[in-house]
Amino acid sequence: MKVPYHIIKHSNNCIALVFNNKIKIKNLSTNETIELKQDEINNSKVRSIAFNNDASVLAVASDDKKLKFWDVKTGVCLSIKNTPKKVNSIVFEKNGKRILIADGFGDVYRYTVDNSVEEGELMLGHVSMLTDILLSNDEKYVLTSDRDEKIRVTHYPKHILFIIIV
């Protein structure tokens, strides 16, 4: 039985397709496709993916609480970070050097893409499970949505909160 794609993301001339723990990246300029070699033993389902601005790096969060950064051209894993909880959503900062993750316990953490050993920096927290995260174009605000149908706008990187109830 063929498994349908459950996550599709695009950036510049690349499209990333996810089905179970398999990730394919298609370069629309060259028509080349690469498959990222996830851990076959672990077989952990992918929860969220995001490209950096120039589509040179793909961030992948999976059920095993790992955050992996992949080189899009070569398919090589650049670094792996451990997250405290399962990640629901990912967004890169414009410079592509840091990433924000939203987890199932209502917290937003910031990680660097490099190979350093680090724990994520807790940026803000909510009471309810976060379902999505966005960073404004000017990077002054973080927008989060949660399971309780609330959208929150927070100054970034300072933590002054505005609540929008939908």
C-alpha atoms as a PDB file:
ATOM      1  CA  MET A   1       0.000   0.000   0.000  1.00  0.00           C
ATOM      2  CA  LYS A   2       1.327   3.435  -0.904  1.00  0.00           C
ATOM      3  CA  VAL A   3       1.469   5.944   1.921  1.00  0.00           C
ATOM      4  CA  PRO A   4       0.323   9.498   1.114  1.00  0.00           C
ATOM      5  CA  TYR A   5       2.547  12.476   1.801  1.00  0.00           C
ATOM      6  CA  HIS A   6       1.576  14.071   5.087  1.00  0.00           C
ATOM      7  CA  ILE A   7       3.854  17.135   5.012  1.00  0.00           C
ATOM      8  CA  ILE A   8       4.751  19.262   1.994  1.00  0.00           C
ATOM      9  CA  LYS A   9       6.921  22.396   2.274  1.00  0.00           C
ATOM     10  CA  HIS A  10       8.496  24.606  -0.371  1.00  0.00           C
ATOM     11  CA  SER A  11      11.118  27.328  -0.480  1.00  0.00           C
ATOM     12  CA  ASN A  12      12.802  28.984  -3.453  1.00  0.00           C
ATOM     13  CA  ASN A  13      13.275  26.184  -5.992  1.00  0.00           C
ATOM     14  CA  CYS A  14      12.897  23.226  -3.595  1.00  0.00           C
ATOM     15  CA  ILE A  15      10.012  21.093  -2.423  1.00  0.00           C
ATOM     16  CA  ALA A  16      10.257  18.704   0.531  1.00  0.00           C
ATOM     17  CA  LEU A  17       7.812  15.789   0.773  1.00  0.00           C
ATOM     18  CA  VAL A  18       7.374  13.645   3.884  1.00  0.00           C
ATOM     19  CA  PHE A  19       5.719  10.262   4.211  1.00  0.00           C
ATOM     20  CA  ASN A  20       6.159   8.384   7.512  1.00  0.00           C
ATOM     21  CA  ASN A  21       9.884   8.792   8.249  1.00  0.00           C
ATOM     22  CA  LYS A  22      10.962   9.237   4.615  1.00  0.00           C
ATOM     23  CA  ILE A  23      11.857  12.673   3.260  1.00  0.00           C
ATOM     24  CA  LYS A  24      12.388  13.526  -0.386  1.00  0.00           C
ATOM     25  CA  ILE A  25      13.651  16.886  -1.619  1.00  0.00           C
ATOM     26  CA  LYS A  26      13.109  17.889  -5.235  1.00  0.00           C
ATOM     27  CA  ASN A  27      15.139  20.727  -6.740  1.00  0.00           C
ATOM     28  CA  LEU A  28      12.848  22.325  -9.303  1.00  0.00           C
ATOM     29  CA  SER A  29      15.741  24.058 -11.110  1.00  0.00           C
ATOM     30  CA  THR A  30      17.808  20.928 -11.751  1.00  0.00           C
ATOM     31  CA  ASN A  31      14.959  18.390 -11.524  1.00  0.00           C
ATOM     32  CA  GLU A  32      17.124  16.331  -9.119  1.00  0.00           C
ATOM     33  CA  THR A  33      15.562  14.435  -6.217  1.00  0.00           C
ATOM     34  CA  ILE A  34      17.390  13.292  -3.094  1.00  0.00           C
ATOM     35  CA  GLU A  35      16.104  11.170  -0.237  1.00  0.00           C
ATOM     36  CA  LEU A  36      17.354  11.948   3.243  1.00  0.00           C
ATOM     37  CA  LYS A  37      18.683   8.892   5.040  1.00  0.00           C
ATOM     38  CA  GLN A  38      16.794   8.934   8.321  1.00  0.00           C
ATOM     39  CA  ASP A  39      17.632   6.457  11.075  1.00  0.00           C
ATOM     40  CA  GLU A  40      16.140   3.219   9.720  1.00  0.00           C
ATOM     41  CA  ILE A  41      16.461   1.468  13.102  1.00  0.00           C
ATOM     42  CA  ASN A  42      14.582   4.160  15.013  1.00  0.00           C
ATOM     43  CA  ASN A  43      11.914   4.579  12.294  1.00  0.00           C
ATOM     44  CA  SER A  44      10.515   7.675  14.041  1.00  0.00           C
ATOM     45  CA  LYS A  45       7.702   9.584  12.329  1.00  0.00           C
ATOM     46  CA  VAL A  46       8.456  13.115  11.106  1.00  0.00           C
ATOM     47  CA  ARG A  47       6.314  15.764  12.835  1.00  0.00           C
ATOM     48  CA  SER A  48       7.461  19.029  11.244  1.00  0.00           C
ATOM     49  CA  ILE A  49       9.928  20.406   8.680  1.00  0.00           C
ATOM     50  CA  ALA A  50      11.115  23.853   7.589  1.00  0.00           C
ATOM     51  CA  PHE A  51      13.574  25.297   5.059  1.00  0.00           C
ATOM     52  CA  ASN A  52      15.863  28.191   5.888  1.00  0.00           C
ATOM     53  CA  ASN A  53      15.489  31.310   3.688  1.00  0.00           C
ATOM     54  CA  ASP A  54      17.816  30.227   0.880  1.00  0.00           C
ATOM     55  CA  ALA A  55      16.632  26.580   1.005  1.00  0.00           C
ATOM     56  CA  SER A  56      20.137  25.307   1.748  1.00  0.00           C
ATOM     57  CA  VAL A  57      19.169  23.697   5.078  1.00  0.00           C
ATOM     58  CA  LEU A  58      16.101  21.641   6.004  1.00  0.00           C
ATOM     59  CA  ALA A  59      15.188  21.279   9.688  1.00  0.00           C
ATOM     60  CA  VAL A  60      13.339  18.080  10.598  1.00  0.00           C
ATOM     61  CA  ALA A  61      11.624  17.305  13.920  1.00  0.00           C
ATOM     62  CA  SER A  62      10.471  13.762  14.652  1.00  0.00           C
ATOM     63  CA  ASP A  63       8.622  11.735  17.287  1.00  0.00           C
ATOM     64  CA  ASP A  64      11.913  10.697  18.929  1.00  0.00           C
ATOM     65  CA  LYS A  65      12.378  14.341  20.093  1.00  0.00           C
ATOM     66  CA  LYS A  66      15.303  14.870  17.732  1.00  0.00           C
ATOM     67  CA  LEU A  67      15.799  18.033  15.687  1.00  0.00           C
ATOM     68  CA  LYS A  68      17.996  17.345  12.654  1.00  0.00           C
ATOM     69  CA  PHE A  69      19.476  19.834  10.223  1.00  0.00           C
ATOM     70  CA  TRP A  70      20.155  18.573   6.677  1.00  0.00           C
ATOM     71  CA  ASP A  71      22.182  20.017   3.816  1.00  0.00           C
ATOM     72  CA  VAL A  72      19.626  20.186   0.988  1.00  0.00           C
ATOM     73  CA  LYS A  73      22.140  19.778  -1.860  1.00  0.00           C
ATOM     74  CA  THR A  74      24.091  16.821  -0.482  1.00  0.00           C
ATOM     75  CA  GLY A  75      21.570  15.140   1.829  1.00  0.00           C
ATOM     76  CA  VAL A  76      24.141  15.116   4.642  1.00  0.00           C
ATOM     77  CA  CYS A  77      22.982  15.584   8.236  1.00  0.00           C
ATOM     78  CA  LEU A  78      24.713  18.725   9.560  1.00  0.00           C
ATOM     79  CA  SER A  79      23.732  18.452  13.222  1.00  0.00           C
ATOM     80  CA  ILE A  80      21.316  16.794  15.638  1.00  0.00           C
ATOM     81  CA  LYS A  81      19.765  18.415  18.714  1.00  0.00           C
ATOM     82  CA  ASN A  82      17.635  16.843  21.441  1.00  0.00           C
ATOM     83  CA  THR A  83      14.395  18.610  22.342  1.00  0.00           C
ATOM     84  CA  PRO A  84      12.686  18.272  25.741  1.00  0.00           C
ATOM     85  CA  LYS A  85       9.268  17.535  24.198  1.00  0.00           C
ATOM     86  CA  LYS A  86       7.884  16.521  20.813  1.00  0.00           C
ATOM     87  CA  VAL A  87       7.971  19.392  18.326  1.00  0.00           C
ATOM     88  CA  ASN A  88       4.770  20.515  16.585  1.00  0.00           C
ATOM     89  CA  SER A  89       6.108  23.361  14.440  1.00  0.00           C
ATOM     90  CA  ILE A  90       9.401  24.921  13.279  1.00  0.00           C
ATOM     91  CA  VAL A  91      10.418  28.319  11.903  1.00  0.00           C
ATOM     92  CA  PHE A  92      13.866  29.662  10.952  1.00  0.00           C
ATOM     93  CA  GLU A  93      15.121  33.145  11.735  1.00  0.00           C
ATOM     94  CA  LYS A  94      16.001  35.097   8.566  1.00  0.00           C
ATOM     95  CA  ASN A  95      19.750  34.642   9.005  1.00  0.00           C
ATOM     96  CA  GLY A  96      19.277  30.848   8.942  1.00  0.00           C
ATOM     97  CA  LYS A  97      21.529  30.364  11.980  1.00  0.00           C
ATOM     98  CA  ARG A  98      18.802  29.884  14.578  1.00  0.00           C
ATOM     99  CA  ILE A  99      15.441  28.185  14.700  1.00  0.00           C
ATOM    100  CA  LEU A 100      12.336  28.418  16.877  1.00  0.00           C
ATOM    101  CA  ILE A 101      10.358  25.310  17.770  1.00  0.00           C
ATOM    102  CA  ALA A 102       6.885  25.041  19.311  1.00  0.00           C
ATOM    103  CA  ASP A 103       6.197  21.937  21.367  1.00  0.00           C
ATOM    104  CA  GLY A 104       3.191  20.018  22.611  1.00  0.00           C
ATOM    105  CA  PHE A 105       3.479  21.439  26.124  1.00  0.00           C
ATOM    106  CA  GLY A 106       3.105  25.081  25.086  1.00  0.00           C
ATOM    107  CA  ASP A 107       6.749  26.132  25.057  1.00  0.00           C
ATOM    108  CA  VAL A 108       8.860  27.851  22.391  1.00  0.00           C
ATOM    109  CA  TYR A 109      12.598  27.113  22.347  1.00  0.00           C
ATOM    110  CA  ARG A 110      15.400  28.586  20.260  1.00  0.00           C
ATOM    111  CA  TYR A 111      18.270  26.466  18.903  1.00  0.00           C
ATOM    112  CA  THR A 112      21.311  27.203  16.770  1.00  0.00           C
ATOM    113  CA  VAL A 113      21.798  25.259  13.545  1.00  0.00           C
ATOM    114  CA  ASP A 114      25.521  24.696  14.103  1.00  0.00           C
ATOM    115  CA  ASN A 115      27.018  21.525  15.512  1.00  0.00           C
ATOM    116  CA  SER A 116      27.373  22.839  19.071  1.00  0.00           C
ATOM    117  CA  VAL A 117      26.084  20.817  21.983  1.00  0.00           C
ATOM    118  CA  GLU A 118      23.395  22.926  23.571  1.00  0.00           C
ATOM    119  CA  GLU A 119      20.067  22.836  25.246  1.00  0.00           C
ATOM    120  CA  GLY A 120      17.435  24.981  23.633  1.00  0.00           C
ATOM    121  CA  GLU A 121      16.841  28.428  25.079  1.00  0.00           C
ATOM    122  CA  LEU A 122      13.300  28.745  26.450  1.00  0.00           C
ATOM    123  CA  MET A 123      11.841  31.835  24.773  1.00  0.00           C
ATOM    124  CA  LEU A 124       8.233  31.759  25.978  1.00  0.00           C
ATOM    125  CA  GLY A 125       5.616  29.428  27.360  1.00  0.00           C
ATOM    126  CA  HIS A 126       1.872  28.916  27.276  1.00  0.00           C
ATOM    127  CA  VAL A 127      -0.546  26.731  29.189  1.00  0.00           C
ATOM    128  CA  SER A 128      -1.979  24.937  26.161  1.00  0.00           C
ATOM    129  CA  MET A 129      -0.369  22.769  23.471  1.00  0.00           C
ATOM    130  CA  LEU A 130       1.028  24.866  20.606  1.00  0.00           C
ATOM    131  CA  THR A 131      -0.121  23.907  17.124  1.00  0.00           C
ATOM    132  CA  ASP A 132       1.874  26.357  14.985  1.00  0.00           C
ATOM    133  CA  ILE A 133       4.482  29.109  15.125  1.00  0.00           C
ATOM    134  CA  LEU A 134       5.386  31.986  12.803  1.00  0.00           C
ATOM    135  CA  LEU A 135       8.003  34.711  12.922  1.00  0.00           C
ATOM    136  CA  SER A 136       7.065  38.103  11.472  1.00  0.00           C
ATOM    137  CA  ASN A 137       9.062  39.324   8.456  1.00  0.00           C
ATOM    138  CA  ASP A 138      10.777  41.996  10.555  1.00  0.00           C
ATOM    139  CA  GLU A 139      11.440  39.377  13.307  1.00  0.00           C
ATOM    140  CA  LYS A 140       9.912  41.617  15.960  1.00  0.00           C
ATOM    141  CA  TYR A 141       7.034  39.237  16.754  1.00  0.00           C
ATOM    142  CA  VAL A 142       6.440  35.538  17.299  1.00  0.00           C
ATOM    143  CA  LEU A 143       2.907  34.356  16.533  1.00  0.00           C
ATOM    144  CA  THR A 144       1.719  31.136  18.140  1.00  0.00           C
ATOM    145  CA  SER A 145      -1.559  29.266  17.909  1.00  0.00           C
ATOM    146  CA  ASP A 146      -2.732  26.744  20.456  1.00  0.00           C
ATOM    147  CA  ARG A 147      -5.218  23.947  20.969  1.00  0.00           C
ATOM    148  CA  ASP A 148      -7.545  26.288  22.868  1.00  0.00           C
ATOM    149  CA  GLU A 149      -8.181  28.349  19.710  1.00  0.00           C
ATOM    150  CA  LYS A 150      -6.019  31.276  20.798  1.00  0.00           C
ATOM    151  CA  ILE A 151      -3.489  33.161  18.714  1.00  0.00           C
ATOM    152  CA  ARG A 152      -0.780  34.922  20.680  1.00  0.00           C
ATOM    153  CA  VAL A 153       1.531  37.654  19.432  1.00  0.00           C
ATOM    154  CA  THR A 154       4.723  38.064  21.468  1.00  0.00           C
ATOM    155  CA  HIS A 155       7.538  40.598  21.056  1.00  0.00           C
ATOM    156  CA  TYR A 156      10.676  38.809  19.928  1.00  0.00           C
ATOM    157  CA  PRO A 157      13.179  38.285  21.378  1.00  0.00           C
ATOM    158  CA  LYS A 158      11.668  40.127  24.363  1.00  0.00           C
ATOM    159  CA  HIS A 159       8.702  38.410  25.960  1.00  0.00           C
ATOM    160  CA  ILE A 160       5.838  40.926  26.027  1.00  0.00           C
ATOM    161  CA  LEU A 161       2.611  39.115  25.226  1.00  0.00           C
ATOM    162  CA  PHE A 162      -0.495  40.267  23.329  1.00  0.00           C
ATOM    163  CA  ILE A 163      -3.430  37.832  23.142  1.00  0.00           C
ATOM    164  CA  ILE A 164      -5.842  37.622  20.243  1.00  0.00           C
ATOM    165  CA  ILE A 165      -8.878  35.467  20.986  1.00  0.00           C
ATOM    166  CA  VAL A 166     -10.491  34.056  17.882  1.00  0.00           C
END
